[in-house]
């Protein structure tokens, strides 16, 4: 899980970072709101902790910018205690609010609660047309394939082969079953070369052409599989 911290009080930001890292979280820490906006699209954030009172751009403004594109949980950490400030923060899209000084363990409890809620909520709407296995991400609707974070162009046949193998991750897919599912035709021995060529192209695009491929594994005399 990746946590974003934005607080111009370095001692507080550093303290939160220590607790988060001790719990195994990856931390992205900033002391300036504007610097965050420059980098945000390149970060994969699961939850943000924002200070309200910051120079140039306060936490409320930063929250507004974040909510234009992202839906991960946001917790405000601030010295402001007025109820109206809390209401304003929540109306802007924040999920929780904790005032300074605070107990680090209380903040950690709130972080974990928000992450559990976010994960549970999004699991309900997780699309069945997206597959994620190790470094492989496939979207059947958009016909997009990402490998190790980079978009890779596949032909329709290559996409269909990889999709079917991923659907059956951890299991050996027989060559004849794979051919029928992709080409919708009865398999004959001569068709084995056709499949082998497409498998080779997939491995080349995934830069996995060694003697022992790490992703599409050949089970000799049977077929192919992708390990979980």
C-alpha atoms as a PDB file:
ATOM      1  CA  UNK A   1       0.000   0.000   0.000  1.00  0.00           C
ATOM      2  CA  UNK A   2       1.281   3.464  -0.964  1.00  0.00           C
ATOM      3  CA  UNK A   3       0.584   6.401   1.370  1.00  0.00           C
ATOM      4  CA  UNK A   4       1.018  10.075   0.446  1.00  0.00           C
ATOM      5  CA  UNK A   5       1.980  12.537   3.210  1.00  0.00           C
ATOM      6  CA  UNK A   6       1.796  16.299   2.597  1.00  0.00           C
ATOM      7  CA  UNK A   7       2.677  18.490   5.593  1.00  0.00           C
ATOM      8  CA  UNK A   8       4.944  21.556   5.792  1.00  0.00           C
ATOM      9  CA  UNK A   9       5.806  20.685   9.414  1.00  0.00           C
ATOM     10  CA  UNK A  10       8.673  18.349   8.677  1.00  0.00           C
ATOM     11  CA  UNK A  11       8.863  16.838  12.161  1.00  0.00           C
ATOM     12  CA  UNK A  12       5.229  15.704  11.978  1.00  0.00           C
ATOM     13  CA  UNK A  13       5.592  14.401   8.420  1.00  0.00           C
ATOM     14  CA  UNK A  14       8.735  12.499   9.409  1.00  0.00           C
ATOM     15  CA  UNK A  15       7.032  11.020  12.493  1.00  0.00           C
ATOM     16  CA  UNK A  16       4.052   9.787  10.451  1.00  0.00           C
ATOM     17  CA  UNK A  17       6.454   8.329   7.908  1.00  0.00           C
ATOM     18  CA  UNK A  18       8.276   6.317  10.588  1.00  0.00           C
ATOM     19  CA  UNK A  19       5.054   4.744  11.867  1.00  0.00           C
ATOM     20  CA  UNK A  20       3.846   3.955   8.350  1.00  0.00           C
ATOM     21  CA  UNK A  21       7.123   2.363   7.266  1.00  0.00           C
ATOM     22  CA  UNK A  22       7.258   0.320  10.470  1.00  0.00           C
ATOM     23  CA  UNK A  23       3.882  -1.091   9.452  1.00  0.00           C
ATOM     24  CA  UNK A  24       5.149  -1.974   5.974  1.00  0.00           C
ATOM     25  CA  UNK A  25       3.659   0.885   3.957  1.00  0.00           C
ATOM     26  CA  UNK A  26       5.410   2.606   1.070  1.00  0.00           C
ATOM     27  CA  UNK A  27       5.538   6.364   1.743  1.00  0.00           C
ATOM     28  CA  UNK A  28       5.651   9.363  -0.593  1.00  0.00           C
ATOM     29  CA  UNK A  29       6.399  12.458   1.527  1.00  0.00           C
ATOM     30  CA  UNK A  30       6.116  16.108   0.523  1.00  0.00           C
ATOM     31  CA  UNK A  31       6.446  19.377   2.424  1.00  0.00           C
ATOM     32  CA  UNK A  32       4.825  21.470  -0.328  1.00  0.00           C
ATOM     33  CA  UNK A  33       1.414  21.043  -1.992  1.00  0.00           C
ATOM     34  CA  UNK A  34       2.479  22.359  -5.379  1.00  0.00           C
ATOM     35  CA  UNK A  35       5.283  19.817  -5.618  1.00  0.00           C
ATOM     36  CA  UNK A  36       2.732  17.036  -5.114  1.00  0.00           C
ATOM     37  CA  UNK A  37       0.623  18.190  -8.060  1.00  0.00           C
ATOM     38  CA  UNK A  38       3.671  17.980 -10.332  1.00  0.00           C
ATOM     39  CA  UNK A  39       4.231  14.313  -9.423  1.00  0.00           C
ATOM     40  CA  UNK A  40       0.776  12.972  -8.597  1.00  0.00           C
ATOM     41  CA  UNK A  41      -0.021  11.378 -11.959  1.00  0.00           C
ATOM     42  CA  UNK A  42       3.206   9.364 -11.737  1.00  0.00           C
ATOM     43  CA  UNK A  43       2.434   7.975  -8.275  1.00  0.00           C
ATOM     44  CA  UNK A  44       0.154   5.093  -7.368  1.00  0.00           C
ATOM     45  CA  UNK A  45      -1.507   6.282  -4.172  1.00  0.00           C
ATOM     46  CA  UNK A  46      -3.842   4.246  -1.952  1.00  0.00           C
ATOM     47  CA  UNK A  47      -4.434   6.926   0.694  1.00  0.00           C
ATOM     48  CA  UNK A  48      -3.368  10.551   1.322  1.00  0.00           C
ATOM     49  CA  UNK A  49      -2.681  12.358   4.607  1.00  0.00           C
ATOM     50  CA  UNK A  50      -2.925  16.131   4.103  1.00  0.00           C
ATOM     51  CA  UNK A  51      -2.177  19.013   6.429  1.00  0.00           C
ATOM     52  CA  UNK A  52      -4.676  21.871   6.137  1.00  0.00           C
ATOM     53  CA  UNK A  53      -2.545  24.908   7.037  1.00  0.00           C
ATOM     54  CA  UNK A  54       0.201  25.063   4.411  1.00  0.00           C
ATOM     55  CA  UNK A  55       1.712  28.080   2.617  1.00  0.00           C
ATOM     56  CA  UNK A  56       0.843  28.924  -1.009  1.00  0.00           C
ATOM     57  CA  UNK A  57      -1.715  26.087  -1.380  1.00  0.00           C
ATOM     58  CA  UNK A  58      -3.563  24.779   1.662  1.00  0.00           C
ATOM     59  CA  UNK A  59      -4.828  21.253   2.176  1.00  0.00           C
ATOM     60  CA  UNK A  60      -8.388  22.122   1.205  1.00  0.00           C
ATOM     61  CA  UNK A  61      -7.243  23.371  -2.218  1.00  0.00           C
ATOM     62  CA  UNK A  62      -5.000  20.349  -2.682  1.00  0.00           C
ATOM     63  CA  UNK A  63      -7.894  18.046  -1.794  1.00  0.00           C
ATOM     64  CA  UNK A  64     -10.058  19.760  -4.417  1.00  0.00           C
ATOM     65  CA  UNK A  65      -7.386  19.190  -7.077  1.00  0.00           C
ATOM     66  CA  UNK A  66      -6.966  15.538  -6.095  1.00  0.00           C
ATOM     67  CA  UNK A  67     -10.701  14.847  -6.178  1.00  0.00           C
ATOM     68  CA  UNK A  68     -10.936  16.029  -9.794  1.00  0.00           C
ATOM     69  CA  UNK A  69      -9.222  12.797 -10.836  1.00  0.00           C
ATOM     70  CA  UNK A  70      -8.653  10.422  -7.910  1.00  0.00           C
ATOM     71  CA  UNK A  71     -10.936   8.657  -5.406  1.00  0.00           C
ATOM     72  CA  UNK A  72      -8.469   7.210  -2.865  1.00  0.00           C
ATOM     73  CA  UNK A  73      -9.183   8.058   0.806  1.00  0.00           C
ATOM     74  CA  UNK A  74      -7.984  11.408   2.168  1.00  0.00           C
ATOM     75  CA  UNK A  75      -7.383  12.141   5.861  1.00  0.00           C
ATOM     76  CA  UNK A  76      -6.818  15.719   7.015  1.00  0.00           C
ATOM     77  CA  UNK A  77      -4.314  16.284   9.829  1.00  0.00           C
ATOM     78  CA  UNK A  78      -4.514  19.812  11.200  1.00  0.00           C
ATOM     79  CA  UNK A  79      -4.304  22.126  14.190  1.00  0.00           C
ATOM     80  CA  UNK A  80      -7.640  23.702  13.255  1.00  0.00           C
ATOM     81  CA  UNK A  81     -10.382  22.430  15.547  1.00  0.00           C
ATOM     82  CA  UNK A  82     -13.459  24.416  14.471  1.00  0.00           C
ATOM     83  CA  UNK A  83     -16.420  22.265  13.436  1.00  0.00           C
ATOM     84  CA  UNK A  84     -16.899  24.319  10.259  1.00  0.00           C
ATOM     85  CA  UNK A  85     -13.353  23.501   9.127  1.00  0.00           C
ATOM     86  CA  UNK A  86     -14.072  19.809   9.600  1.00  0.00           C
ATOM     87  CA  UNK A  87     -17.343  20.107   7.680  1.00  0.00           C
ATOM     88  CA  UNK A  88     -15.632  22.013   4.855  1.00  0.00           C
ATOM     89  CA  UNK A  89     -12.962  19.346   4.612  1.00  0.00           C
ATOM     90  CA  UNK A  90     -15.480  16.545   4.403  1.00  0.00           C
ATOM     91  CA  UNK A  91     -17.569  18.427   1.843  1.00  0.00           C
ATOM     92  CA  UNK A  92     -14.505  18.851  -0.350  1.00  0.00           C
ATOM     93  CA  UNK A  93     -14.083  15.073  -0.449  1.00  0.00           C
ATOM     94  CA  UNK A  94     -12.012  14.147   2.594  1.00  0.00           C
ATOM     95  CA  UNK A  95     -12.843  10.878   4.347  1.00  0.00           C
ATOM     96  CA  UNK A  96     -11.603  11.638   7.860  1.00  0.00           C
ATOM     97  CA  UNK A  97     -10.159  14.410   9.999  1.00  0.00           C
ATOM     98  CA  UNK A  98      -7.766  14.306  12.968  1.00  0.00           C
ATOM     99  CA  UNK A  99      -6.506  17.298  14.950  1.00  0.00           C
ATOM    100  CA  UNK A 100      -3.024  18.062  16.233  1.00  0.00           C
ATOM    101  CA  UNK A 101      -1.633  17.026  18.598  1.00  0.00           C
ATOM    102  CA  UNK A 102      -2.637  13.446  17.969  1.00  0.00           C
ATOM    103  CA  UNK A 103      -1.578   9.988  19.006  1.00  0.00           C
ATOM    104  CA  UNK A 104       0.272   8.286  16.137  1.00  0.00           C
ATOM    105  CA  UNK A 105      -1.447   4.986  16.940  1.00  0.00           C
ATOM    106  CA  UNK A 106      -4.847   6.651  16.586  1.00  0.00           C
ATOM    107  CA  UNK A 107      -3.855   7.962  13.165  1.00  0.00           C
ATOM    108  CA  UNK A 108      -2.653   4.488  12.170  1.00  0.00           C
ATOM    109  CA  UNK A 109      -5.994   3.014  13.249  1.00  0.00           C
ATOM    110  CA  UNK A 110      -7.862   5.573  11.131  1.00  0.00           C
ATOM    111  CA  UNK A 111      -5.620   4.877   8.135  1.00  0.00           C
ATOM    112  CA  UNK A 112      -6.249   1.142   8.352  1.00  0.00           C
ATOM    113  CA  UNK A 113      -9.995   1.664   8.741  1.00  0.00           C
ATOM    114  CA  UNK A 114     -10.136   3.863   5.647  1.00  0.00           C
ATOM    115  CA  UNK A 115      -8.089   1.418   3.600  1.00  0.00           C
ATOM    116  CA  UNK A 116     -10.315  -1.504   4.622  1.00  0.00           C
ATOM    117  CA  UNK A 117     -13.450   0.462   3.742  1.00  0.00           C
ATOM    118  CA  UNK A 118     -12.028   1.603   0.403  1.00  0.00           C
ATOM    119  CA  UNK A 119     -10.887  -1.882  -0.541  1.00  0.00           C
ATOM    120  CA  UNK A 120     -14.229  -3.435   0.395  1.00  0.00           C
ATOM    121  CA  UNK A 121     -16.244  -0.775  -1.462  1.00  0.00           C
ATOM    122  CA  UNK A 122     -14.207  -1.040  -4.641  1.00  0.00           C
ATOM    123  CA  UNK A 123     -14.213  -4.829  -4.600  1.00  0.00           C
ATOM    124  CA  UNK A 124     -17.961  -4.713  -5.223  1.00  0.00           C
ATOM    125  CA  UNK A 125     -17.409  -2.859  -8.470  1.00  0.00           C
ATOM    126  CA  UNK A 126     -14.243  -4.624  -9.594  1.00  0.00           C
ATOM    127  CA  UNK A 127     -14.769  -5.372 -13.269  1.00  0.00           C
ATOM    128  CA  UNK A 128     -14.643  -8.949 -14.489  1.00  0.00           C
ATOM    129  CA  UNK A 129     -13.196  -7.772 -17.782  1.00  0.00           C
ATOM    130  CA  UNK A 130      -9.853  -6.822 -16.210  1.00  0.00           C
ATOM    131  CA  UNK A 131      -7.171  -9.360 -15.329  1.00  0.00           C
ATOM    132  CA  UNK A 132      -4.122  -8.595 -13.170  1.00  0.00           C
ATOM    133  CA  UNK A 133      -1.471 -11.263 -12.656  1.00  0.00           C
ATOM    134  CA  UNK A 134       1.980 -10.314 -11.423  1.00  0.00           C
ATOM    135  CA  UNK A 135       3.232  -7.800 -14.046  1.00  0.00           C
ATOM    136  CA  UNK A 136       0.364  -8.486 -16.457  1.00  0.00           C
ATOM    137  CA  UNK A 137      -2.696  -6.226 -16.716  1.00  0.00           C
ATOM    138  CA  UNK A 138      -5.313  -6.862 -19.417  1.00  0.00           C
ATOM    139  CA  UNK A 139      -8.552  -5.032 -20.179  1.00  0.00           C
ATOM    140  CA  UNK A 140     -10.882  -6.962 -22.436  1.00  0.00           C
ATOM    141  CA  UNK A 141     -13.151  -3.977 -23.160  1.00  0.00           C
ATOM    142  CA  UNK A 142     -10.386  -1.682 -24.379  1.00  0.00           C
ATOM    143  CA  UNK A 143      -8.165  -4.492 -25.712  1.00  0.00           C
ATOM    144  CA  UNK A 144      -5.241  -3.010 -23.776  1.00  0.00           C
ATOM    145  CA  UNK A 145      -2.313  -4.976 -22.395  1.00  0.00           C
ATOM    146  CA  UNK A 146       0.183  -3.570 -19.907  1.00  0.00           C
ATOM    147  CA  UNK A 147       3.340  -5.416 -18.961  1.00  0.00           C
ATOM    148  CA  UNK A 148       5.548  -4.154 -16.133  1.00  0.00           C
ATOM    149  CA  UNK A 149       3.629  -0.874 -16.224  1.00  0.00           C
ATOM    150  CA  UNK A 150       4.141  -0.236 -19.947  1.00  0.00           C
ATOM    151  CA  UNK A 151       1.506  -0.548 -22.647  1.00  0.00           C
ATOM    152  CA  UNK A 152       2.290  -3.271 -25.191  1.00  0.00           C
ATOM    153  CA  UNK A 153       0.438  -3.648 -28.477  1.00  0.00           C
ATOM    154  CA  UNK A 154      -0.950  -7.124 -29.177  1.00  0.00           C
ATOM    155  CA  UNK A 155      -2.726  -8.502 -32.214  1.00  0.00           C
ATOM    156  CA  UNK A 156      -6.276  -9.793 -31.610  1.00  0.00           C
ATOM    157  CA  UNK A 157      -5.012 -13.399 -31.728  1.00  0.00           C
ATOM    158  CA  UNK A 158      -2.169 -12.705 -29.313  1.00  0.00           C
ATOM    159  CA  UNK A 159      -4.549 -10.935 -26.939  1.00  0.00           C
ATOM    160  CA  UNK A 160      -7.019 -13.831 -27.064  1.00  0.00           C
ATOM    161  CA  UNK A 161      -4.316 -16.404 -26.355  1.00  0.00           C
ATOM    162  CA  UNK A 162      -2.906 -14.492 -23.411  1.00  0.00           C
ATOM    163  CA  UNK A 163      -6.363 -13.710 -22.022  1.00  0.00           C
ATOM    164  CA  UNK A 164      -7.404 -17.360 -22.076  1.00  0.00           C
ATOM    165  CA  UNK A 165      -4.175 -18.454 -20.409  1.00  0.00           C
ATOM    166  CA  UNK A 166      -4.584 -15.778 -17.729  1.00  0.00           C
ATOM    167  CA  UNK A 167      -8.191 -16.802 -17.115  1.00  0.00           C
ATOM    168  CA  UNK A 168      -6.864 -20.267 -16.298  1.00  0.00           C
ATOM    169  CA  UNK A 169      -3.833 -19.110 -14.317  1.00  0.00           C
ATOM    170  CA  UNK A 170      -2.059 -21.877 -12.466  1.00  0.00           C
ATOM    171  CA  UNK A 171      -3.625 -24.551 -14.671  1.00  0.00           C
ATOM    172  CA  UNK A 172      -2.242 -26.235 -17.765  1.00  0.00           C
ATOM    173  CA  UNK A 173      -4.283 -25.329 -20.854  1.00  0.00           C
ATOM    174  CA  UNK A 174      -4.159 -28.103 -23.422  1.00  0.00           C
ATOM    175  CA  UNK A 175      -2.966 -27.066 -26.860  1.00  0.00           C
ATOM    176  CA  UNK A 176      -6.138 -28.322 -28.551  1.00  0.00           C
ATOM    177  CA  UNK A 177      -8.357 -26.452 -26.061  1.00  0.00           C
ATOM    178  CA  UNK A 178      -6.409 -23.234 -26.558  1.00  0.00           C
ATOM    179  CA  UNK A 179      -6.675 -23.522 -30.343  1.00  0.00           C
ATOM    180  CA  UNK A 180     -10.410 -24.160 -30.244  1.00  0.00           C
ATOM    181  CA  UNK A 181     -11.077 -21.279 -27.845  1.00  0.00           C
ATOM    182  CA  UNK A 182      -9.083 -18.781 -29.910  1.00  0.00           C
ATOM    183  CA  UNK A 183      -9.699 -19.911 -33.500  1.00  0.00           C
ATOM    184  CA  UNK A 184     -13.091 -21.585 -32.923  1.00  0.00           C
ATOM    185  CA  UNK A 185     -12.009 -24.505 -35.118  1.00  0.00           C
ATOM    186  CA  UNK A 186     -11.172 -28.131 -34.544  1.00  0.00           C
ATOM    187  CA  UNK A 187      -7.519 -28.689 -33.703  1.00  0.00           C
ATOM    188  CA  UNK A 188      -5.217 -30.791 -35.891  1.00  0.00           C
ATOM    189  CA  UNK A 189      -1.586 -31.658 -35.278  1.00  0.00           C
ATOM    190  CA  UNK A 190      -0.377 -29.185 -37.913  1.00  0.00           C
ATOM    191  CA  UNK A 191      -2.005 -26.362 -35.932  1.00  0.00           C
ATOM    192  CA  UNK A 192       0.576 -26.773 -33.173  1.00  0.00           C
ATOM    193  CA  UNK A 193       3.077 -24.715 -35.182  1.00  0.00           C
ATOM    194  CA  UNK A 194       0.546 -21.899 -35.481  1.00  0.00           C
ATOM    195  CA  UNK A 195       0.163 -21.707 -31.721  1.00  0.00           C
ATOM    196  CA  UNK A 196       3.919 -21.946 -31.158  1.00  0.00           C
ATOM    197  CA  UNK A 197       4.544 -18.955 -33.434  1.00  0.00           C
ATOM    198  CA  UNK A 198       2.036 -16.795 -31.573  1.00  0.00           C
ATOM    199  CA  UNK A 199       3.400 -17.891 -28.181  1.00  0.00           C
ATOM    200  CA  UNK A 200       6.894 -16.948 -29.360  1.00  0.00           C
ATOM    201  CA  UNK A 201       5.679 -13.499 -30.434  1.00  0.00           C
ATOM    202  CA  UNK A 202       4.031 -12.983 -27.052  1.00  0.00           C
ATOM    203  CA  UNK A 203       7.223 -13.942 -25.231  1.00  0.00           C
ATOM    204  CA  UNK A 204       9.226 -11.554 -27.417  1.00  0.00           C
ATOM    205  CA  UNK A 205       6.876  -8.686 -26.600  1.00  0.00           C
ATOM    206  CA  UNK A 206       7.136  -9.567 -22.907  1.00  0.00           C
ATOM    207  CA  UNK A 207      10.941  -9.861 -23.203  1.00  0.00           C
ATOM    208  CA  UNK A 208      10.709 -13.365 -21.811  1.00  0.00           C
ATOM    209  CA  UNK A 209      12.612 -15.383 -24.410  1.00  0.00           C
ATOM    210  CA  UNK A 210      15.049 -17.211 -22.145  1.00  0.00           C
ATOM    211  CA  UNK A 211      15.418 -20.966 -21.925  1.00  0.00           C
ATOM    212  CA  UNK A 212      13.054 -20.998 -18.951  1.00  0.00           C
ATOM    213  CA  UNK A 213      10.272 -18.428 -19.565  1.00  0.00           C
ATOM    214  CA  UNK A 214       8.892 -16.846 -16.393  1.00  0.00           C
ATOM    215  CA  UNK A 215       5.395 -16.104 -17.656  1.00  0.00           C
ATOM    216  CA  UNK A 216       4.078 -18.356 -20.435  1.00  0.00           C
ATOM    217  CA  UNK A 217       5.395 -21.781 -19.471  1.00  0.00           C
ATOM    218  CA  UNK A 218       5.446 -24.676 -21.940  1.00  0.00           C
ATOM    219  CA  UNK A 219       4.308 -28.028 -20.557  1.00  0.00           C
ATOM    220  CA  UNK A 220       5.762 -30.334 -23.167  1.00  0.00           C
ATOM    221  CA  UNK A 221       3.323 -32.697 -24.807  1.00  0.00           C
ATOM    222  CA  UNK A 222       0.371 -31.052 -23.070  1.00  0.00           C
ATOM    223  CA  UNK A 223       0.093 -27.294 -23.566  1.00  0.00           C
ATOM    224  CA  UNK A 224       0.842 -23.996 -21.785  1.00  0.00           C
ATOM    225  CA  UNK A 225       0.187 -22.293 -18.498  1.00  0.00           C
ATOM    226  CA  UNK A 226       0.708 -19.036 -16.624  1.00  0.00           C
ATOM    227  CA  UNK A 227       1.697 -19.451 -12.992  1.00  0.00           C
ATOM    228  CA  UNK A 228      -0.018 -17.336 -10.337  1.00  0.00           C
END
